Amino acid sequence: MYSSLDLAKDLGRKHKSVLRSIRRNRSYWEDILCMEKLKEDTYKDSLGRDQKVFLFSVGEFDKWLEILNK
C-alpha cells in the first residue's frame, strides 16, 4: 500500500501540494478513467496532529505518478 506521502517524496514536492493536485484531478480519476473512489485516511504528523492522506494500490500509485508528473 502506498500513500500520497510517498507520491510527494517521489515527485520531490510538498505533501500539501500533492493533496491539492489529487483533489483537482479527482473527477478525472473517478469519472474519466473509471478508477475506484479514492481512499482517504489520516496520519499523525511530527507534532501529533491528524493530517489527511490518500492511500493507493501499487497500480494506482504508478498511475498517479504518471498523472502528476506531467
PDB file of N, CA and C in Angstrom:
ATOM      1  N   MET A   1       0.857  -1.177   0.000  1.00  0.00           N
ATOM      2  CA  MET A   1       0.000   0.000   0.000  1.00  0.00           C
ATOM      3  C   MET A   1       0.901   1.239   0.000  1.00  0.00           C
ATOM      4  N   TYR A   2       0.555   2.190  -0.822  1.00  0.00           N
ATOM      5  CA  TYR A   2       1.277   3.451  -0.927  1.00  0.00           C
ATOM      6  C   TYR A   2       0.361   4.593  -0.489  1.00  0.00           C
ATOM      7  N   SER A   3       0.950   5.749  -0.251  1.00  0.00           N
ATOM      8  CA  SER A   3       0.159   6.899   0.169  1.00  0.00           C
ATOM      9  C   SER A   3       0.581   8.150  -0.598  1.00  0.00           C
ATOM     10  N   SER A   4      -0.188   9.198  -0.396  1.00  0.00           N
ATOM     11  CA  SER A   4       0.151  10.474  -1.014  1.00  0.00           C
ATOM     12  C   SER A   4       1.471  11.017  -0.453  1.00  0.00           C
ATOM     13  N   LEU A   5       1.862  10.596   0.732  1.00  0.00           N
ATOM     14  CA  LEU A   5       3.176  10.975   1.274  1.00  0.00           C
ATOM     15  C   LEU A   5       4.283  10.388   0.400  1.00  0.00           C
ATOM     16  N   ASP A   6       4.100   9.138  -0.037  1.00  0.00           N
ATOM     17  CA  ASP A   6       5.075   8.500  -0.930  1.00  0.00           C
ATOM     18  C   ASP A   6       5.130   9.226  -2.276  1.00  0.00           C
ATOM     19  N   LEU A   7       3.957   9.627  -2.778  1.00  0.00           N
ATOM     20  CA  LEU A   7       3.913  10.383  -4.029  1.00  0.00           C
ATOM     21  C   LEU A   7       4.691  11.685  -3.908  1.00  0.00           C
ATOM     22  N   ALA A   8       4.473  12.400  -2.818  1.00  0.00           N
ATOM     23  CA  ALA A   8       5.164  13.670  -2.603  1.00  0.00           C
ATOM     24  C   ALA A   8       6.677  13.458  -2.594  1.00  0.00           C
ATOM     25  N   LYS A   9       7.116  12.424  -1.924  1.00  0.00           N
ATOM     26  CA  LYS A   9       8.554  12.130  -1.858  1.00  0.00           C
ATOM     27  C   LYS A   9       9.106  11.817  -3.247  1.00  0.00           C
ATOM     28  N   ASP A  10       8.427  10.945  -3.982  1.00  0.00           N
ATOM     29  CA  ASP A  10       8.897  10.556  -5.317  1.00  0.00           C
ATOM     30  C   ASP A  10       8.875  11.718  -6.306  1.00  0.00           C
ATOM     31  N   LEU A  11       7.915  12.626  -6.142  1.00  0.00           N
ATOM     32  CA  LEU A  11       7.801  13.768  -7.041  1.00  0.00           C
ATOM     33  C   LEU A  11       8.661  14.955  -6.599  1.00  0.00           C
ATOM     34  N   GLY A  12       9.211  14.883  -5.380  1.00  0.00           N
ATOM     35  CA  GLY A  12      10.009  15.992  -4.863  1.00  0.00           C
ATOM     36  C   GLY A  12       9.175  17.229  -4.578  1.00  0.00           C
ATOM     37  N   ARG A  13       7.927  16.998  -4.153  1.00  0.00           N
ATOM     38  CA  ARG A  13       7.012  18.104  -3.870  1.00  0.00           C
ATOM     39  C   ARG A  13       6.542  18.040  -2.427  1.00  0.00           C
ATOM     40  N   LYS A  14       5.972  19.133  -1.941  1.00  0.00           N
ATOM     41  CA  LYS A  14       5.386  19.147  -0.607  1.00  0.00           C
ATOM     42  C   LYS A  14       4.091  18.345  -0.629  1.00  0.00           C
ATOM     43  N   HIS A  15       3.804  17.686   0.490  1.00  0.00           N
ATOM     44  CA  HIS A  15       2.610  16.851   0.573  1.00  0.00           C
ATOM     45  C   HIS A  15       1.340  17.661   0.333  1.00  0.00           C
ATOM     46  N   LYS A  16       1.260  18.865   0.879  1.00  0.00           N
ATOM     47  CA  LYS A  16       0.035  19.670   0.685  1.00  0.00           C
ATOM     48  C   LYS A  16      -0.180  20.005  -0.786  1.00  0.00           C
ATOM     49  N   SER A  17       0.901  20.158  -1.539  1.00  0.00           N
ATOM     50  CA  SER A  17       0.798  20.408  -2.973  1.00  0.00           C
ATOM     51  C   SER A  17       0.265  19.175  -3.704  1.00  0.00           C
ATOM     52  N   VAL A  18       0.740  18.017  -3.307  1.00  0.00           N
ATOM     53  CA  VAL A  18       0.273  16.761  -3.912  1.00  0.00           C
ATOM     54  C   VAL A  18      -1.197  16.532  -3.575  1.00  0.00           C
ATOM     55  N   LEU A  19      -1.593  16.777  -2.337  1.00  0.00           N
ATOM     56  CA  LEU A  19      -3.008  16.636  -1.960  1.00  0.00           C
ATOM     57  C   LEU A  19      -3.892  17.540  -2.814  1.00  0.00           C
ATOM     58  N   ARG A  20      -3.451  18.771  -2.999  1.00  0.00           N
ATOM     59  CA  ARG A  20      -4.209  19.729  -3.822  1.00  0.00           C
ATOM     60  C   ARG A  20      -4.335  19.220  -5.259  1.00  0.00           C
ATOM     61  N   SER A  21      -3.257  18.693  -5.812  1.00  0.00           N
ATOM     62  CA  SER A  21      -3.276  18.166  -7.182  1.00  0.00           C
ATOM     63  C   SER A  21      -4.186  16.955  -7.302  1.00  0.00           C
ATOM     64  N   ILE A  22      -4.163  16.086  -6.315  1.00  0.00           N
ATOM     65  CA  ILE A  22      -5.037  14.904  -6.334  1.00  0.00           C
ATOM     66  C   ILE A  22      -6.497  15.354  -6.294  1.00  0.00           C
ATOM     67  N   ARG A  23      -6.805  16.282  -5.420  1.00  0.00           N
ATOM     68  CA  ARG A  23      -8.189  16.773  -5.327  1.00  0.00           C
ATOM     69  C   ARG A  23      -8.647  17.412  -6.630  1.00  0.00           C
ATOM     70  N   ARG A  24      -7.748  18.156  -7.292  1.00  0.00           N
ATOM     71  CA  ARG A  24      -8.090  18.785  -8.576  1.00  0.00           C
ATOM     72  C   ARG A  24      -8.335  17.747  -9.662  1.00  0.00           C
ATOM     73  N   ASN A  25      -7.654  16.608  -9.571  1.00  0.00           N
ATOM     74  CA  ASN A  25      -7.765  15.558 -10.591  1.00  0.00           C
ATOM     75  C   ASN A  25      -8.709  14.429 -10.194  1.00  0.00           C
ATOM     76  N   ARG A  26      -9.405  14.580  -9.079  1.00  0.00           N
ATOM     77  CA  ARG A  26     -10.287  13.518  -8.574  1.00  0.00           C
ATOM     78  C   ARG A  26     -11.372  13.148  -9.588  1.00  0.00           C
ATOM     79  N   SER A  27     -12.006  14.127 -10.183  1.00  0.00           N
ATOM     80  CA  SER A  27     -13.062  13.872 -11.158  1.00  0.00           C
ATOM     81  C   SER A  27     -12.504  13.119 -12.365  1.00  0.00           C
ATOM     82  N   TYR A  28     -11.359  13.533 -12.851  1.00  0.00           N
ATOM     83  CA  TYR A  28     -10.691  12.847 -13.966  1.00  0.00           C
ATOM     84  C   TYR A  28     -10.437  11.389 -13.600  1.00  0.00           C
ATOM     85  N   TRP A  29      -9.931  11.156 -12.405  1.00  0.00           N
ATOM     86  CA  TRP A  29      -9.604   9.817 -11.912  1.00  0.00           C
ATOM     87  C   TRP A  29     -10.848   8.925 -11.844  1.00  0.00           C
ATOM     88  N   GLU A  30     -11.893   9.440 -11.219  1.00  0.00           N
ATOM     89  CA  GLU A  30     -13.082   8.623 -10.969  1.00  0.00           C
ATOM     90  C   GLU A  30     -14.038   8.573 -12.152  1.00  0.00           C
ATOM     91  N   ASP A  31     -14.237   9.680 -12.845  1.00  0.00           N
ATOM     92  CA  ASP A  31     -15.247   9.746 -13.899  1.00  0.00           C
ATOM     93  C   ASP A  31     -14.716   9.402 -15.286  1.00  0.00           C
ATOM     94  N   ILE A  32     -13.518   9.863 -15.609  1.00  0.00           N
ATOM     95  CA  ILE A  32     -12.990   9.633 -16.955  1.00  0.00           C
ATOM     96  C   ILE A  32     -12.190   8.337 -17.033  1.00  0.00           C
ATOM     97  N   LEU A  33     -11.324   8.116 -16.062  1.00  0.00           N
ATOM     98  CA  LEU A  33     -10.543   6.877 -16.056  1.00  0.00           C
ATOM     99  C   LEU A  33     -11.323   5.704 -15.472  1.00  0.00           C
ATOM    100  N   CYS A  34     -12.466   6.004 -14.847  1.00  0.00           N
ATOM    101  CA  CYS A  34     -13.326   4.988 -14.223  1.00  0.00           C
ATOM    102  C   CYS A  34     -12.572   4.157 -13.186  1.00  0.00           C
ATOM    103  N   MET A  35     -11.724   4.824 -12.431  1.00  0.00           N
ATOM    104  CA  MET A  35     -10.991   4.157 -11.365  1.00  0.00           C
ATOM    105  C   MET A  35     -11.850   4.173 -10.104  1.00  0.00           C
ATOM    106  N   GLU A  36     -11.479   3.322  -9.143  1.00  0.00           N
ATOM    107  CA  GLU A  36     -12.215   3.281  -7.884  1.00  0.00           C
ATOM    108  C   GLU A  36     -12.110   4.615  -7.156  1.00  0.00           C
ATOM    109  N   LYS A  37     -13.083   4.860  -6.303  1.00  0.00           N
ATOM    110  CA  LYS A  37     -13.054   6.080  -5.485  1.00  0.00           C
ATOM    111  C   LYS A  37     -11.760   6.115  -4.686  1.00  0.00           C
ATOM    112  N   LEU A  38     -11.240   7.311  -4.493  1.00  0.00           N
ATOM    113  CA  LEU A  38     -10.007   7.466  -3.729  1.00  0.00           C
ATOM    114  C   LEU A  38     -10.231   7.109  -2.268  1.00  0.00           C
ATOM    115  N   LYS A  39      -9.248   6.436  -1.699  1.00  0.00           N
ATOM    116  CA  LYS A  39      -9.317   6.051  -0.296  1.00  0.00           C
ATOM    117  C   LYS A  39      -8.587   7.122   0.533  1.00  0.00           C
ATOM    118  N   GLU A  40      -9.303   7.680   1.501  1.00  0.00           N
ATOM    119  CA  GLU A  40      -8.722   8.698   2.371  1.00  0.00           C
ATOM    120  C   GLU A  40      -8.525   8.128   3.767  1.00  0.00           C
ATOM    121  N   ASP A  41      -7.500   8.625   4.435  1.00  0.00           N
ATOM    122  CA  ASP A  41      -7.202   8.216   5.803  1.00  0.00           C
ATOM    123  C   ASP A  41      -6.529   9.392   6.501  1.00  0.00           C
ATOM    124  N   THR A  42      -6.095   9.192   7.705  1.00  0.00           N
ATOM    125  CA  THR A  42      -5.334  10.214   8.425  1.00  0.00           C
ATOM    126  C   THR A  42      -4.083   9.576   9.003  1.00  0.00           C
ATOM    127  N   TYR A  43      -3.122  10.418   9.303  1.00  0.00           N
ATOM    128  CA  TYR A  43      -1.901  10.001   9.987  1.00  0.00           C
ATOM    129  C   TYR A  43      -1.522  11.102  10.966  1.00  0.00           C
ATOM    130  N   LYS A  44      -0.678  10.772  11.906  1.00  0.00           N
ATOM    131  CA  LYS A  44      -0.193  11.766  12.872  1.00  0.00           C
ATOM    132  C   LYS A  44       1.108  12.355  12.339  1.00  0.00           C
ATOM    133  N   ASP A  45       1.156  13.686  12.261  1.00  0.00           N
ATOM    134  CA  ASP A  45       2.387  14.341  11.826  1.00  0.00           C
ATOM    135  C   ASP A  45       3.376  14.410  12.988  1.00  0.00           C
ATOM    136  N   SER A  46       4.497  15.039  12.754  1.00  0.00           N
ATOM    137  CA  SER A  46       5.554  15.084  13.764  1.00  0.00           C
ATOM    138  C   SER A  46       5.144  15.846  15.031  1.00  0.00           C
ATOM    139  N   LEU A  47       4.092  16.643  14.937  1.00  0.00           N
ATOM    140  CA  LEU A  47       3.592  17.375  16.096  1.00  0.00           C
ATOM    141  C   LEU A  47       2.384  16.693  16.740  1.00  0.00           C
ATOM    142  N   GLY A  48       2.043  15.491  16.240  1.00  0.00           N
ATOM    143  CA  GLY A  48       0.928  14.737  16.797  1.00  0.00           C
ATOM    144  C   GLY A  48      -0.435  15.140  16.287  1.00  0.00           C
ATOM    145  N   ARG A  49      -0.480  15.977  15.245  1.00  0.00           N
ATOM    146  CA  ARG A  49      -1.758  16.416  14.667  1.00  0.00           C
ATOM    147  C   ARG A  49      -2.226  15.414  13.620  1.00  0.00           C
ATOM    148  N   ASP A  50      -3.536  15.237  13.524  1.00  0.00           N
ATOM    149  CA  ASP A  50      -4.103  14.398  12.461  1.00  0.00           C
ATOM    150  C   ASP A  50      -4.018  15.142  11.145  1.00  0.00           C
ATOM    151  N   GLN A  51      -3.488  14.471  10.127  1.00  0.00           N
ATOM    152  CA  GLN A  51      -3.380  15.032   8.788  1.00  0.00           C
ATOM    153  C   GLN A  51      -4.002  14.058   7.792  1.00  0.00           C
ATOM    154  N   LYS A  52      -4.588  14.586   6.725  1.00  0.00           N
ATOM    155  CA  LYS A  52      -5.201  13.741   5.697  1.00  0.00           C
ATOM    156  C   LYS A  52      -4.138  13.128   4.796  1.00  0.00           C
ATOM    157  N   VAL A  53      -4.457  11.950   4.274  1.00  0.00           N
ATOM    158  CA  VAL A  53      -3.577  11.236   3.360  1.00  0.00           C
ATOM    159  C   VAL A  53      -4.459  10.369   2.456  1.00  0.00           C
ATOM    160  N   PHE A  54      -4.049  10.197   1.210  1.00  0.00           N
ATOM    161  CA  PHE A  54      -4.727   9.287   0.298  1.00  0.00           C
ATOM    162  C   PHE A  54      -3.924   8.000   0.234  1.00  0.00           C
ATOM    163  N   LEU A  55      -4.629   6.874   0.116  1.00  0.00           N
ATOM    164  CA  LEU A  55      -3.982   5.567   0.041  1.00  0.00           C
ATOM    165  C   LEU A  55      -4.190   4.955  -1.337  1.00  0.00           C
ATOM    166  N   PHE A  56      -3.152   4.267  -1.851  1.00  0.00           N
ATOM    167  CA  PHE A  56      -3.197   3.710  -3.202  1.00  0.00           C
ATOM    168  C   PHE A  56      -2.634   2.291  -3.239  1.00  0.00           C
ATOM    169  N   SER A  57      -3.144   1.505  -4.174  1.00  0.00           N
ATOM    170  CA  SER A  57      -2.507   0.225  -4.503  1.00  0.00           C
ATOM    171  C   SER A  57      -1.277   0.546  -5.355  1.00  0.00           C
ATOM    172  N   VAL A  58      -0.477  -0.457  -5.651  1.00  0.00           N
ATOM    173  CA  VAL A  58       0.725  -0.245  -6.470  1.00  0.00           C
ATOM    174  C   VAL A  58       0.347   0.324  -7.840  1.00  0.00           C
ATOM    175  N   GLY A  59      -0.661  -0.252  -8.483  1.00  0.00           N
ATOM    176  CA  GLY A  59      -1.093   0.218  -9.802  1.00  0.00           C
ATOM    177  C   GLY A  59      -1.621   1.641  -9.766  1.00  0.00           C
ATOM    178  N   GLU A  60      -2.407   1.955  -8.735  1.00  0.00           N
ATOM    179  CA  GLU A  60      -2.940   3.309  -8.589  1.00  0.00           C
ATOM    180  C   GLU A  60      -1.809   4.306  -8.348  1.00  0.00           C
ATOM    181  N   PHE A  61      -0.844   3.919  -7.530  1.00  0.00           N
ATOM    182  CA  PHE A  61       0.302   4.783  -7.242  1.00  0.00           C
ATOM    183  C   PHE A  61       1.049   5.111  -8.530  1.00  0.00           C
ATOM    184  N   ASP A  62       1.327   4.086  -9.337  1.00  0.00           N
ATOM    185  CA  ASP A  62       2.037   4.309 -10.604  1.00  0.00           C
ATOM    186  C   ASP A  62       1.259   5.231 -11.529  1.00  0.00           C
ATOM    187  N   LYS A  63      -0.067   5.071 -11.569  1.00  0.00           N
ATOM    188  CA  LYS A  63      -0.902   5.924 -12.424  1.00  0.00           C
ATOM    189  C   LYS A  63      -0.885   7.371 -11.921  1.00  0.00           C
ATOM    190  N   TRP A  64      -0.936   7.568 -10.600  1.00  0.00           N
ATOM    191  CA  TRP A  64      -0.875   8.930 -10.061  1.00  0.00           C
ATOM    192  C   TRP A  64       0.477   9.558 -10.337  1.00  0.00           C
ATOM    193  N   LEU A  65       1.549   8.778 -10.266  1.00  0.00           N
ATOM    194  CA  LEU A  65       2.876   9.322 -10.628  1.00  0.00           C
ATOM    195  C   LEU A  65       2.855   9.834 -12.052  1.00  0.00           C
ATOM    196  N   GLU A  66       2.242   9.068 -12.942  1.00  0.00           N
ATOM    197  CA  GLU A  66       2.145   9.465 -14.352  1.00  0.00           C
ATOM    198  C   GLU A  66       1.310  10.738 -14.503  1.00  0.00           C
ATOM    199  N   ILE A  67       0.163  10.789 -13.840  1.00  0.00           N
ATOM    200  CA  ILE A  67      -0.724  11.951 -13.948  1.00  0.00           C
ATOM    201  C   ILE A  67      -0.066  13.218 -13.403  1.00  0.00           C
ATOM    202  N   LEU A  68       0.551  13.121 -12.243  1.00  0.00           N
ATOM    203  CA  LEU A  68       1.091  14.299 -11.574  1.00  0.00           C
ATOM    204  C   LEU A  68       2.470  14.697 -12.069  1.00  0.00           C
ATOM    205  N   ASN A  69       3.090  13.853 -12.859  1.00  0.00           N
ATOM    206  CA  ASN A  69       4.428  14.141 -13.366  1.00  0.00           C
ATOM    207  C   ASN A  69       4.388  14.877 -14.698  1.00  0.00           C
ATOM    208  N   LYS A  70       3.193  15.197 -15.190  1.00  0.00           N
ATOM    209  CA  LYS A  70       3.063  15.880 -16.486  1.00  0.00           C
ATOM    210  C   LYS A  70       3.323  17.344 -16.346  1.00  0.00           C
TER     211      LYS A  70
END
